[in-house]
Amino acid sequence: MNIGSSPSQTSSSFTGSIDITRTAFQMQQTLTGPDGEATRTLMVDAVEVNIQIDGEFAGRVLQDSMADKLNAAFAAAGMDTTVDSLQQSGTNFSPQATAQRIVDFSTSFFGSFQQNHADEAGQSQASDFAAMIKGAIEEGFASAQNILVGLGEIAPDIQAGIDETFELTMQGINSFVEQQSQQQGEAEDPTSIV
């Protein structure tokens, strides 16, 4: 019996199959007792079950299950987003692009931070701002990690992408602080040559 067949361009391929075989055979058994040896013939009835699932099919089932869980998580968070809409958006979700979006968004609040902390020195402002947004980003990554773990085991390549995104984000913030410190130094020393 075959299940889940799907047509391909050249022929039918099975995404999953179950083979059930019933076998009847005779088996002789020799028994030794106080009266001597006796041989008897037994009829044995065996059922063998083989299940095969195509790896691509299994991957699609897992992906569909993960998409359903993510869609439910989006809905529970009050977000009007689905996995399909994210995939169709054309947004680059590579670690580099994601880290850059996080850095750009978080550092865009530096002007407001400066206004609220006008009494601090420029380099101190940049350092304090970086510490604040790094803390928020670490919290956000930890929260996202907990959500993903709650959905199921995270594949090693996905975890590597998350780790790379986090590291690139922290590097981007460090670069921002260096750039701000450099600009502040130039503003304080108008004779410096760039």
C-alpha atoms as a PDB file:
ATOM      1  CA  MET A   1       0.000   0.000   0.000  1.00  0.00           C
ATOM      2  CA  ASN A   2       1.430   3.424  -0.930  1.00  0.00           C
ATOM      3  CA  ILE A   3       0.386   6.725   0.565  1.00  0.00           C
ATOM      4  CA  GLY A   4       0.981  10.351  -0.271  1.00  0.00           C
ATOM      5  CA  SER A   5       1.923   9.862  -3.891  1.00  0.00           C
ATOM      6  CA  SER A   6       2.630  13.002  -5.826  1.00  0.00           C
ATOM      7  CA  PRO A   7       3.031  13.283  -9.563  1.00  0.00           C
ATOM      8  CA  SER A   8       6.357  14.441 -10.926  1.00  0.00           C
ATOM      9  CA  GLN A   9       7.150  15.554 -14.441  1.00  0.00           C
ATOM     10  CA  THR A  10       8.539  12.223 -15.574  1.00  0.00           C
ATOM     11  CA  SER A  11       6.715   9.669 -13.466  1.00  0.00           C
ATOM     12  CA  SER A  12       4.868   9.114 -10.250  1.00  0.00           C
ATOM     13  CA  SER A  13       7.058   9.207  -7.198  1.00  0.00           C
ATOM     14  CA  PHE A  14       5.958   8.115  -3.782  1.00  0.00           C
ATOM     15  CA  THR A  15       6.497  10.384  -0.833  1.00  0.00           C
ATOM     16  CA  GLY A  16       5.695   7.630   1.594  1.00  0.00           C
ATOM     17  CA  SER A  17       4.979   3.952   1.492  1.00  0.00           C
ATOM     18  CA  ILE A  18       3.937   1.220   3.862  1.00  0.00           C
ATOM     19  CA  ASP A  19       4.608  -2.381   2.909  1.00  0.00           C
ATOM     20  CA  ILE A  20       2.925  -5.102   4.941  1.00  0.00           C
ATOM     21  CA  THR A  21       3.955  -8.690   4.364  1.00  0.00           C
ATOM     22  CA  ARG A  22       2.390 -11.681   6.024  1.00  0.00           C
ATOM     23  CA  THR A  23       4.452 -14.817   6.080  1.00  0.00           C
ATOM     24  CA  ALA A  24       3.526 -18.275   7.272  1.00  0.00           C
ATOM     25  CA  PHE A  25       6.238 -20.868   7.714  1.00  0.00           C
ATOM     26  CA  GLN A  26       6.887 -24.100   9.508  1.00  0.00           C
ATOM     27  CA  MET A  27       9.415 -24.422  12.263  1.00  0.00           C
ATOM     28  CA  GLN A  28      10.567 -27.626  13.898  1.00  0.00           C
ATOM     29  CA  GLN A  29      11.287 -27.683  17.577  1.00  0.00           C
ATOM     30  CA  THR A  30      13.059 -30.446  19.438  1.00  0.00           C
ATOM     31  CA  LEU A  31      12.056 -30.862  23.060  1.00  0.00           C
ATOM     32  CA  THR A  32      14.031 -32.893  25.566  1.00  0.00           C
ATOM     33  CA  GLY A  33      12.164 -34.249  28.543  1.00  0.00           C
ATOM     34  CA  PRO A  34      12.271 -37.164  30.984  1.00  0.00           C
ATOM     35  CA  ASP A  35      10.748 -39.405  28.337  1.00  0.00           C
ATOM     36  CA  GLY A  36      13.466 -38.513  25.794  1.00  0.00           C
ATOM     37  CA  GLU A  37      13.427 -36.258  22.804  1.00  0.00           C
ATOM     38  CA  ALA A  38      10.346 -35.286  20.909  1.00  0.00           C
ATOM     39  CA  THR A  39      10.142 -33.224  17.769  1.00  0.00           C
ATOM     40  CA  ARG A  40       7.167 -31.138  16.931  1.00  0.00           C
ATOM     41  CA  THR A  41       6.316 -28.911  14.019  1.00  0.00           C
ATOM     42  CA  LEU A  42       4.990 -25.431  14.670  1.00  0.00           C
ATOM     43  CA  MET A  43       3.203 -23.173  12.241  1.00  0.00           C
ATOM     44  CA  VAL A  44       4.454 -19.596  12.630  1.00  0.00           C
ATOM     45  CA  ASP A  45       2.520 -16.634  11.312  1.00  0.00           C
ATOM     46  CA  ALA A  46       4.602 -13.433  11.008  1.00  0.00           C
ATOM     47  CA  VAL A  47       3.722  -9.927   9.888  1.00  0.00           C
ATOM     48  CA  GLU A  48       6.476  -7.607   8.692  1.00  0.00           C
ATOM     49  CA  VAL A  49       5.841  -3.882   8.336  1.00  0.00           C
ATOM     50  CA  ASN A  50       8.217  -1.585   6.433  1.00  0.00           C
ATOM     51  CA  ILE A  51       7.603   2.145   6.401  1.00  0.00           C
ATOM     52  CA  GLN A  52       9.526   4.447   4.104  1.00  0.00           C
ATOM     53  CA  ILE A  53       9.145   8.209   3.934  1.00  0.00           C
ATOM     54  CA  ASP A  54      10.875  10.377   1.370  1.00  0.00           C
ATOM     55  CA  GLY A  55      13.171  12.942   3.037  1.00  0.00           C
ATOM     56  CA  GLU A  56      11.790  15.822   0.985  1.00  0.00           C
ATOM     57  CA  PHE A  57       8.251  14.892   2.002  1.00  0.00           C
ATOM     58  CA  ALA A  58       9.255  14.766   5.672  1.00  0.00           C
ATOM     59  CA  GLY A  59      10.909  18.174   5.310  1.00  0.00           C
ATOM     60  CA  ARG A  60       7.726  19.663   3.846  1.00  0.00           C
ATOM     61  CA  VAL A  61       5.651  18.233   6.698  1.00  0.00           C
ATOM     62  CA  LEU A  62       8.044  19.720   9.278  1.00  0.00           C
ATOM     63  CA  GLN A  63       8.120  23.048   7.439  1.00  0.00           C
ATOM     64  CA  ASP A  64       4.321  23.181   7.302  1.00  0.00           C
ATOM     65  CA  SER A  65       4.148  22.355  11.008  1.00  0.00           C
ATOM     66  CA  MET A  66       6.714  25.070  11.840  1.00  0.00           C
ATOM     67  CA  ALA A  67       4.872  27.593   9.645  1.00  0.00           C
ATOM     68  CA  ASP A  68       1.614  26.804  11.462  1.00  0.00           C
ATOM     69  CA  LYS A  69       3.298  27.316  14.839  1.00  0.00           C
ATOM     70  CA  LEU A  70       4.899  30.591  13.722  1.00  0.00           C
ATOM     71  CA  ASN A  71       1.596  31.862  12.313  1.00  0.00           C
ATOM     72  CA  ALA A  72      -0.078  31.019  15.639  1.00  0.00           C
ATOM     73  CA  ALA A  73       2.699  32.843  17.525  1.00  0.00           C
ATOM     74  CA  PHE A  74       2.301  35.900  15.271  1.00  0.00           C
ATOM     75  CA  ALA A  75      -1.465  35.884  15.877  1.00  0.00           C
ATOM     76  CA  ALA A  76      -1.012  35.503  19.650  1.00  0.00           C
ATOM     77  CA  ALA A  77       1.339  38.502  19.608  1.00  0.00           C
ATOM     78  CA  GLY A  78      -1.308  40.532  17.770  1.00  0.00           C
ATOM     79  CA  MET A  79       0.778  40.743  14.599  1.00  0.00           C
ATOM     80  CA  ASP A  80      -0.901  40.849  11.206  1.00  0.00           C
ATOM     81  CA  THR A  81       1.868  38.756   9.629  1.00  0.00           C
ATOM     82  CA  THR A  82       2.170  35.248   8.241  1.00  0.00           C
ATOM     83  CA  VAL A  83       5.122  33.132   7.194  1.00  0.00           C
ATOM     84  CA  ASP A  84       3.916  33.324   3.577  1.00  0.00           C
ATOM     85  CA  SER A  85       3.765  37.127   3.650  1.00  0.00           C
ATOM     86  CA  LEU A  86       7.303  37.275   5.050  1.00  0.00           C
ATOM     87  CA  GLN A  87       8.603  34.902   2.387  1.00  0.00           C
ATOM     88  CA  GLN A  88       6.890  36.858  -0.383  1.00  0.00           C
ATOM     89  CA  SER A  89       8.085  40.236   0.902  1.00  0.00           C
ATOM     90  CA  GLY A  90      11.490  39.811  -0.709  1.00  0.00           C
ATOM     91  CA  THR A  91      13.166  40.897   2.513  1.00  0.00           C
ATOM     92  CA  ASN A  92      16.708  39.631   2.911  1.00  0.00           C
ATOM     93  CA  PHE A  93      16.829  37.582   6.118  1.00  0.00           C
ATOM     94  CA  SER A  94      20.547  36.778   5.985  1.00  0.00           C
ATOM     95  CA  PRO A  95      22.446  37.347   9.242  1.00  0.00           C
ATOM     96  CA  GLN A  96      24.241  40.348   7.711  1.00  0.00           C
ATOM     97  CA  ALA A  97      21.074  42.059   6.465  1.00  0.00           C
ATOM     98  CA  THR A  98      19.127  41.316   9.644  1.00  0.00           C
ATOM     99  CA  ALA A  99      21.945  42.615  11.860  1.00  0.00           C
ATOM    100  CA  GLN A 100      22.175  45.783   9.764  1.00  0.00           C
ATOM    101  CA  ARG A 101      18.426  46.411  10.131  1.00  0.00           C
ATOM    102  CA  ILE A 102      18.681  45.944  13.903  1.00  0.00           C
ATOM    103  CA  VAL A 103      21.685  48.293  14.145  1.00  0.00           C
ATOM    104  CA  ASP A 104      20.074  50.926  11.904  1.00  0.00           C
ATOM    105  CA  PHE A 105      16.794  50.847  13.826  1.00  0.00           C
ATOM    106  CA  SER A 106      18.317  50.898  17.297  1.00  0.00           C
ATOM    107  CA  THR A 107      20.912  53.588  16.567  1.00  0.00           C
ATOM    108  CA  SER A 108      18.257  55.813  14.968  1.00  0.00           C
ATOM    109  CA  PHE A 109      17.212  56.769  18.517  1.00  0.00           C
ATOM    110  CA  PHE A 110      20.620  58.243  19.394  1.00  0.00           C
ATOM    111  CA  GLY A 111      19.484  61.827  18.665  1.00  0.00           C
ATOM    112  CA  SER A 112      16.631  61.501  21.163  1.00  0.00           C
ATOM    113  CA  PHE A 113      18.987  59.950  23.702  1.00  0.00           C
ATOM    114  CA  GLN A 114      21.392  62.882  23.265  1.00  0.00           C
ATOM    115  CA  GLN A 115      18.582  65.392  23.865  1.00  0.00           C
ATOM    116  CA  ASN A 116      17.491  63.575  27.020  1.00  0.00           C
ATOM    117  CA  HIS A 117      21.096  63.348  28.281  1.00  0.00           C
ATOM    118  CA  ALA A 118      22.423  66.747  27.215  1.00  0.00           C
ATOM    119  CA  ASP A 119      24.281  67.141  30.509  1.00  0.00           C
ATOM    120  CA  GLU A 120      26.573  64.161  29.693  1.00  0.00           C
ATOM    121  CA  ALA A 121      29.799  64.401  27.700  1.00  0.00           C
ATOM    122  CA  GLY A 122      29.580  63.277  24.060  1.00  0.00           C
ATOM    123  CA  GLN A 123      31.677  60.121  24.427  1.00  0.00           C
ATOM    124  CA  SER A 124      29.799  59.185  27.584  1.00  0.00           C
ATOM    125  CA  GLN A 125      26.503  59.630  25.720  1.00  0.00           C
ATOM    126  CA  ALA A 126      27.582  57.191  23.003  1.00  0.00           C
ATOM    127  CA  SER A 127      28.826  54.620  25.535  1.00  0.00           C
ATOM    128  CA  ASP A 128      25.721  54.872  27.717  1.00  0.00           C
ATOM    129  CA  PHE A 129      23.446  54.691  24.670  1.00  0.00           C
ATOM    130  CA  ALA A 130      25.302  51.617  23.375  1.00  0.00           C
ATOM    131  CA  ALA A 131      25.021  49.904  26.765  1.00  0.00           C
ATOM    132  CA  MET A 132      21.290  50.595  26.835  1.00  0.00           C
ATOM    133  CA  ILE A 133      20.552  49.314  23.325  1.00  0.00           C
ATOM    134  CA  LYS A 134      22.889  46.315  23.722  1.00  0.00           C
ATOM    135  CA  GLY A 135      20.919  45.334  26.830  1.00  0.00           C
ATOM    136  CA  ALA A 136      17.643  45.658  24.951  1.00  0.00           C
ATOM    137  CA  ILE A 137      18.998  43.678  21.994  1.00  0.00           C
ATOM    138  CA  GLU A 138      20.348  40.918  24.248  1.00  0.00           C
ATOM    139  CA  GLU A 139      16.929  40.745  25.899  1.00  0.00           C
ATOM    140  CA  GLY A 140      15.233  40.608  22.490  1.00  0.00           C
ATOM    141  CA  PHE A 141      17.488  37.830  21.226  1.00  0.00           C
ATOM    142  CA  ALA A 142      16.937  35.833  24.443  1.00  0.00           C
ATOM    143  CA  SER A 143      13.173  36.257  24.123  1.00  0.00           C
ATOM    144  CA  ALA A 144      13.214  35.221  20.458  1.00  0.00           C
ATOM    145  CA  GLN A 145      15.395  32.219  21.333  1.00  0.00           C
ATOM    146  CA  ASN A 146      12.873  31.142  23.990  1.00  0.00           C
ATOM    147  CA  ILE A 147      10.015  31.448  21.506  1.00  0.00           C
ATOM    148  CA  LEU A 148      11.869  29.358  18.925  1.00  0.00           C
ATOM    149  CA  VAL A 149      12.794  26.706  21.493  1.00  0.00           C
ATOM    150  CA  GLY A 150       9.125  26.597  22.492  1.00  0.00           C
ATOM    151  CA  LEU A 151       8.207  25.832  18.884  1.00  0.00           C
ATOM    152  CA  GLY A 152      10.590  22.882  18.721  1.00  0.00           C
ATOM    153  CA  GLU A 153      14.229  21.981  18.439  1.00  0.00           C
ATOM    154  CA  ILE A 154      16.304  24.583  16.590  1.00  0.00           C
ATOM    155  CA  ALA A 155      18.312  23.125  13.717  1.00  0.00           C
ATOM    156  CA  PRO A 156      22.081  23.677  14.045  1.00  0.00           C
ATOM    157  CA  ASP A 157      22.273  25.806  10.878  1.00  0.00           C
ATOM    158  CA  ILE A 158      19.447  28.037  12.139  1.00  0.00           C
ATOM    159  CA  GLN A 159      21.177  28.414  15.516  1.00  0.00           C
ATOM    160  CA  ALA A 160      24.421  29.322  13.723  1.00  0.00           C
ATOM    161  CA  GLY A 161      22.525  32.013  11.784  1.00  0.00           C
ATOM    162  CA  ILE A 162      21.034  33.408  15.001  1.00  0.00           C
ATOM    163  CA  ASP A 163      24.451  33.475  16.665  1.00  0.00           C
ATOM    164  CA  GLU A 164      26.030  35.166  13.634  1.00  0.00           C
ATOM    165  CA  THR A 165      23.242  37.767  13.537  1.00  0.00           C
ATOM    166  CA  PHE A 166      23.777  38.536  17.225  1.00  0.00           C
ATOM    167  CA  GLU A 167      27.558  38.883  16.831  1.00  0.00           C
ATOM    168  CA  LEU A 168      27.209  41.100  13.746  1.00  0.00           C
ATOM    169  CA  THR A 169      24.664  43.267  15.575  1.00  0.00           C
ATOM    170  CA  MET A 170      27.015  43.770  18.528  1.00  0.00           C
ATOM    171  CA  GLN A 171      29.889  44.560  16.125  1.00  0.00           C
ATOM    172  CA  GLY A 172      27.669  47.101  14.355  1.00  0.00           C
ATOM    173  CA  ILE A 173      26.859  48.841  17.618  1.00  0.00           C
ATOM    174  CA  ASN A 174      30.542  48.881  18.580  1.00  0.00           C
ATOM    175  CA  SER A 175      31.327  50.462  15.197  1.00  0.00           C
ATOM    176  CA  PHE A 176      28.606  53.049  15.809  1.00  0.00           C
ATOM    177  CA  VAL A 177      30.165  53.965  19.184  1.00  0.00           C
ATOM    178  CA  GLU A 178      33.625  54.243  17.606  1.00  0.00           C
ATOM    179  CA  GLN A 179      32.220  56.469  14.860  1.00  0.00           C
ATOM    180  CA  GLN A 180      30.410  58.686  17.392  1.00  0.00           C
ATOM    181  CA  SER A 181      33.531  58.934  19.569  1.00  0.00           C
ATOM    182  CA  GLN A 182      35.613  59.843  16.536  1.00  0.00           C
ATOM    183  CA  GLN A 183      33.123  62.519  15.463  1.00  0.00           C
ATOM    184  CA  GLN A 184      32.985  63.873  19.022  1.00  0.00           C
ATOM    185  CA  GLY A 185      36.777  64.018  19.160  1.00  0.00           C
ATOM    186  CA  GLU A 186      36.891  65.930  15.884  1.00  0.00           C
ATOM    187  CA  ALA A 187      34.214  68.349  17.114  1.00  0.00           C
ATOM    188  CA  GLU A 188      36.148  69.013  20.321  1.00  0.00           C
ATOM    189  CA  ASP A 189      39.487  69.453  18.491  1.00  0.00           C
ATOM    190  CA  PRO A 190      38.855  71.526  15.346  1.00  0.00           C
ATOM    191  CA  THR A 191      42.578  71.413  14.451  1.00  0.00           C
ATOM    192  CA  SER A 192      42.593  67.639  13.920  1.00  0.00           C
ATOM    193  CA  ILE A 193      43.050  66.480  10.351  1.00  0.00           C
ATOM    194  CA  VAL A 194      40.915  63.706   9.014  1.00  0.00           C
END
